[in-house]
Amino acid sequence: MNLEVLRSIGLSEGEIKVYHAILDLGTANIAQINEKVNIHRRNIYDILTRLIEKGLVSYTDENNKRRYSLTNPSKILGYIEEKKKELENSKQTISKEIPEILERFNSKKFEIKTDVYRGIEGVKAVFEDTLNYPETYWIGGGRYLPKKYPNFFFSWNERRIKKKIKWIYLMRDELRKEYKPFKFEEVKFLPPEFSGAPTVIGIYGDKVVQLLLGEEMFGFVVESKELAENYKKYHKYLWDKVAKK
């Protein structure tokens, strides 16, 4: 069984190990599970309780001895549906609170604000942030996310298109032959001299982000109206004087 499936629905490492042990054993008591997973018995009890609460494990008592077995694996789908409902309820609740949170957040802003994002989750957070603005100006892009993380990117891009958020994209020259346009995207190509490391600059709202999208994923965001305006001028100069269709 591919353990990544269970990890993807939010099970902990301990829960995955215990679930897998019971799957192998068919039905088992604590001692048998303990021998299989080498986790402290007290922790196994806690893990089993969580799995029972999630509807993934059941038990029977026979002669004062408790034995555990898996519920029908289709329960995993039921568990996912429950989580979807919980997330939807949380989304609705948070949506009501967002205006007040934004008001308080904006009231505490400094004139210049910087944020550092690391790893793919950090880069995803930056892309999510761009959806709050009507357009993004890109300098030096190379379609890195669609290539490396297509599932995330195409889901994200559908939401961008639905919001009619524009991209004004100065793309690397080497993508000219393989380039396929997205909706609400204008593209020109930079000269080959601009190609190099997998880095890209984005300007959206009053923010400028420098992204490194190679083996290491990194984003550095500066929020400054003056800086963003200067970078937009730099983008316009490259667009008008340097880049070509």
Protein backbone atom coordinates (compact mmCIF):
# COMPACT_ATOMS: atom_id res chain seq x y z
CA MET A 1 0.00 0.00 0.00
CA ASN A 2 1.27 3.45 -0.87
CA LEU A 3 1.63 5.26 2.46
CA GLU A 4 1.59 8.62 0.67
CA VAL A 5 -2.15 8.12 0.11
CA LEU A 6 -2.76 8.13 3.87
CA ARG A 7 -0.31 10.95 4.44
CA SER A 8 -2.11 13.06 1.85
CA ILE A 9 -5.38 12.93 3.84
CA GLY A 10 -3.67 14.19 6.98
CA LEU A 11 -2.79 11.03 8.93
CA SER A 12 0.29 11.30 11.14
CA GLU A 13 3.29 9.00 10.79
CA GLY A 14 2.16 7.03 13.84
CA GLU A 15 -1.39 6.66 12.51
CA ILE A 16 -0.06 5.45 9.16
CA LYS A 17 2.18 2.85 10.81
CA VAL A 18 -0.61 1.50 13.03
CA TYR A 19 -3.11 1.46 10.15
CA HIS A 20 -0.62 -0.40 7.98
CA ALA A 21 0.16 -2.88 10.78
CA ILE A 22 -3.51 -3.76 11.25
CA LEU A 23 -3.89 -4.05 7.48
CA ASP A 24 -1.08 -6.64 7.48
CA LEU A 25 -2.33 -8.50 10.55
CA GLY A 26 -6.03 -8.49 9.68
CA THR A 27 -7.04 -8.26 13.34
CA ALA A 28 -4.70 -7.61 16.24
CA ASN A 29 -4.36 -6.80 19.90
CA ILE A 30 -2.13 -4.11 21.37
CA ALA A 31 0.82 -6.46 21.89
CA GLN A 32 0.77 -7.57 18.25
CA ILE A 33 0.53 -4.00 16.99
CA ASN A 34 3.33 -2.94 19.33
CA GLU A 35 5.58 -5.68 18.02
CA LYS A 36 4.83 -4.67 14.46
CA VAL A 37 5.34 -0.91 14.72
CA ASN A 38 7.73 -0.56 17.67
CA ILE A 39 5.83 2.38 19.15
CA HIS A 40 5.32 2.77 22.90
CA ARG A 41 2.10 1.05 24.01
CA ARG A 42 0.70 4.22 25.60
CA ASN A 43 1.13 6.06 22.29
CA ILE A 44 -0.49 3.19 20.40
CA TYR A 45 -3.63 3.55 22.55
CA ASP A 46 -3.77 7.26 21.67
CA ILE A 47 -3.23 6.56 17.98
CA LEU A 48 -5.94 3.88 17.94
CA THR A 49 -8.36 6.28 19.61
CA ARG A 50 -7.76 8.84 16.86
CA LEU A 51 -8.16 6.24 14.11
CA ILE A 52 -11.41 5.03 15.70
CA GLU A 53 -12.67 8.62 15.89
CA LYS A 54 -11.86 9.01 12.20
CA GLY A 55 -13.87 5.89 11.42
CA LEU A 56 -10.88 4.01 10.02
CA VAL A 57 -10.50 1.38 12.79
CA SER A 58 -13.01 -0.58 14.88
CA TYR A 59 -12.62 -3.05 17.77
CA THR A 60 -14.30 -5.98 19.47
CA ASP A 61 -14.01 -7.20 23.06
CA GLU A 62 -13.71 -10.96 23.55
CA ASN A 63 -12.98 -12.52 26.93
CA ASN A 64 -11.85 -9.17 28.29
CA LYS A 65 -9.39 -8.80 25.44
CA ARG A 66 -9.73 -6.07 22.84
CA ARG A 67 -8.86 -6.71 19.22
CA TYR A 68 -8.64 -4.08 16.52
CA SER A 69 -9.43 -4.31 12.84
CA LEU A 70 -9.84 -1.91 9.95
CA THR A 71 -13.22 -0.68 8.88
CA ASN A 72 -14.07 -1.00 5.21
CA PRO A 73 -11.37 0.97 3.33
CA SER A 74 -14.14 2.92 1.59
CA LYS A 75 -14.40 4.77 4.92
CA ILE A 76 -11.30 6.65 3.78
CA LEU A 77 -13.44 8.35 1.16
CA GLY A 78 -16.04 9.14 3.80
CA TYR A 79 -13.32 10.62 5.99
CA ILE A 80 -12.17 12.81 3.10
CA GLU A 81 -15.75 14.02 2.54
CA GLU A 82 -16.03 14.91 6.24
CA LYS A 83 -12.77 16.87 6.04
CA LYS A 84 -14.04 18.68 2.93
CA LYS A 85 -17.19 19.70 4.81
CA GLU A 86 -15.13 20.85 7.79
CA LEU A 87 -12.86 22.88 5.51
CA GLU A 88 -15.85 24.42 3.73
CA ASN A 89 -17.40 25.38 7.08
CA SER A 90 -14.07 26.84 8.19
CA LYS A 91 -13.80 28.74 4.90
CA GLN A 92 -17.24 30.27 5.40
CA THR A 93 -16.45 31.23 8.99
CA ILE A 94 -13.08 32.74 8.14
CA SER A 95 -14.53 34.59 5.14
CA LYS A 96 -16.81 36.48 7.53
CA GLU A 97 -13.83 37.42 9.72
CA ILE A 98 -11.41 38.38 6.92
CA PRO A 99 -12.61 42.02 6.53
CA GLU A 100 -11.94 42.77 10.21
CA ILE A 101 -8.61 40.92 10.13
CA LEU A 102 -7.57 42.86 7.01
CA GLU A 103 -8.58 46.15 8.58
CA ARG A 104 -6.45 45.47 11.65
CA PHE A 105 -3.60 44.09 9.51
CA ASN A 106 -3.54 47.15 7.25
CA SER A 107 -3.70 49.53 10.24
CA LYS A 108 -0.41 48.08 11.53
CA LYS A 109 1.49 48.20 8.25
CA PHE A 110 4.84 49.92 7.98
CA GLU A 111 5.73 51.91 4.86
CA ILE A 112 8.17 49.16 3.85
CA LYS A 113 7.45 45.56 4.76
CA THR A 114 9.51 42.48 3.91
CA ASP A 115 8.64 38.79 4.04
CA VAL A 116 10.74 35.71 3.35
CA TYR A 117 9.18 32.49 2.02
CA ARG A 118 11.01 29.18 1.83
CA GLY A 119 10.19 25.92 0.06
CA ILE A 120 7.38 25.12 -2.32
CA GLU A 121 4.71 25.94 0.27
CA GLY A 122 6.22 29.41 0.63
CA VAL A 123 6.24 29.92 -3.14
CA LYS A 124 2.61 28.75 -3.29
CA ALA A 125 1.76 31.36 -0.64
CA VAL A 126 3.27 34.09 -2.84
CA PHE A 127 1.24 32.95 -5.86
CA GLU A 128 -1.91 32.86 -3.73
CA ASP A 129 -1.20 36.44 -2.68
CA THR A 130 -1.03 37.61 -6.31
CA LEU A 131 -4.68 36.59 -6.72
CA ASN A 132 -5.62 39.60 -4.58
CA TYR A 133 -4.45 42.04 -7.30
CA PRO A 134 -5.75 42.77 -10.83
CA GLU A 135 -2.45 42.18 -12.64
CA THR A 136 1.07 40.88 -12.16
CA TYR A 137 4.12 42.02 -14.11
CA TRP A 138 6.73 39.26 -14.56
CA ILE A 139 10.38 39.67 -15.54
CA GLY A 140 12.41 36.62 -16.58
CA GLY A 141 9.82 33.89 -16.15
CA GLY A 142 10.40 30.39 -17.46
CA ARG A 143 7.17 28.48 -16.75
CA TYR A 144 8.91 26.84 -13.78
CA LEU A 145 5.86 25.99 -11.67
CA PRO A 146 3.81 24.43 -14.50
CA LYS A 147 6.75 22.12 -15.18
CA LYS A 148 7.63 21.19 -11.60
CA TYR A 149 4.26 21.38 -9.84
CA PRO A 150 1.57 21.06 -12.55
CA ASN A 151 -1.25 19.99 -10.21
CA PHE A 152 -0.90 23.07 -8.04
CA PHE A 153 -0.22 25.47 -10.90
CA PHE A 154 -3.10 24.55 -13.18
CA SER A 155 -5.58 24.58 -10.30
CA TRP A 156 -4.23 27.99 -9.26
CA ASN A 157 -4.26 29.28 -12.86
CA GLU A 158 -7.92 28.34 -13.27
CA ARG A 159 -8.71 30.61 -10.32
CA ARG A 160 -6.55 33.39 -11.80
CA ILE A 161 -8.41 33.14 -15.10
CA LYS A 162 -11.77 33.06 -13.36
CA LYS A 163 -10.84 36.34 -11.64
CA LYS A 164 -9.58 37.75 -14.99
CA ILE A 165 -6.23 38.63 -13.44
CA LYS A 166 -3.80 39.78 -16.13
CA TRP A 167 -0.20 38.71 -16.61
CA ILE A 168 2.19 41.03 -18.43
CA TYR A 169 4.98 38.57 -18.93
CA LEU A 170 8.60 39.16 -20.01
CA MET A 171 9.56 35.58 -20.73
CA ARG A 172 12.96 33.98 -21.25
CA ASP A 173 14.02 33.58 -24.87
CA GLU A 174 14.47 29.79 -24.69
CA LEU A 175 10.71 29.34 -24.14
CA ARG A 176 9.84 30.94 -27.47
CA LYS A 177 9.45 27.59 -29.30
CA GLU A 178 7.49 25.80 -26.57
CA TYR A 179 5.40 28.73 -25.37
CA LYS A 180 1.64 28.21 -25.21
CA PRO A 181 -0.37 31.26 -24.11
CA PHE A 182 -2.75 31.32 -21.17
CA LYS A 183 -5.86 33.47 -21.03
CA PHE A 184 -5.39 37.05 -19.82
CA GLU A 185 -1.66 36.87 -20.56
CA GLU A 186 0.45 39.20 -22.69
CA VAL A 187 3.93 37.93 -23.50
CA LYS A 188 7.14 39.29 -24.99
CA PHE A 189 10.50 37.54 -25.01
CA LEU A 190 13.70 38.85 -23.51
CA PRO A 191 17.04 38.51 -25.36
CA PRO A 192 19.09 35.35 -24.65
CA GLU A 193 21.45 37.40 -22.48
CA PHE A 194 18.71 37.57 -19.82
CA SER A 195 18.63 33.78 -19.43
CA GLY A 196 20.41 32.08 -16.57
CA ALA A 197 19.48 30.85 -13.12
CA PRO A 198 15.80 29.97 -12.54
CA THR A 199 14.85 33.31 -11.01
CA VAL A 200 11.92 35.57 -11.73
CA ILE A 201 10.76 38.98 -10.54
CA GLY A 202 7.07 39.71 -10.02
CA ILE A 203 5.40 43.05 -9.36
CA TYR A 204 1.82 43.14 -8.11
CA GLY A 205 0.07 45.90 -6.18
CA ASP A 206 2.73 47.61 -4.06
CA LYS A 207 4.79 44.41 -3.83
CA VAL A 208 7.93 43.18 -5.54
CA VAL A 209 8.88 39.51 -5.22
CA GLN A 210 12.17 37.90 -6.17
CA LEU A 211 11.67 34.16 -6.66
CA LEU A 212 14.29 31.43 -6.89
CA LEU A 213 12.66 28.37 -8.43
CA GLY A 214 15.45 25.83 -8.81
CA GLU A 215 16.44 22.99 -6.49
CA GLU A 216 15.95 25.46 -3.65
CA MET A 217 12.63 27.32 -3.60
CA PHE A 218 12.77 30.81 -2.14
CA GLY A 219 10.78 34.03 -2.27
CA PHE A 220 11.64 37.50 -0.96
CA VAL A 221 8.77 39.99 -0.98
CA VAL A 222 9.17 43.72 -0.39
CA GLU A 223 6.05 45.80 0.03
CA SER A 224 6.80 49.39 -0.92
CA LYS A 225 4.78 51.62 -3.23
CA GLU A 226 7.87 53.52 -4.35
CA LEU A 227 9.85 50.34 -5.09
CA ALA A 228 6.94 48.72 -6.93
CA GLU A 229 6.45 51.81 -9.11
CA ASN A 230 10.15 51.84 -10.02
CA TYR A 231 10.07 48.16 -10.94
CA LYS A 232 6.99 48.75 -13.10
CA LYS A 233 8.97 51.46 -14.95
CA TYR A 234 11.83 48.98 -15.39
CA HIS A 235 9.35 46.41 -16.72
CA LYS A 236 7.86 48.97 -19.12
CA TYR A 237 11.29 49.93 -20.43
CA LEU A 238 12.17 46.28 -21.12
CA TRP A 239 8.73 45.72 -22.67
CA ASP A 240 8.95 48.75 -24.98
CA LYS A 241 12.67 48.86 -25.81
CA VAL A 242 14.21 45.42 -25.33
CA ALA A 243 11.73 42.53 -25.52
CA LYS A 244 10.21 41.20 -28.73
CA LYS A 245 7.12 39.20 -29.59
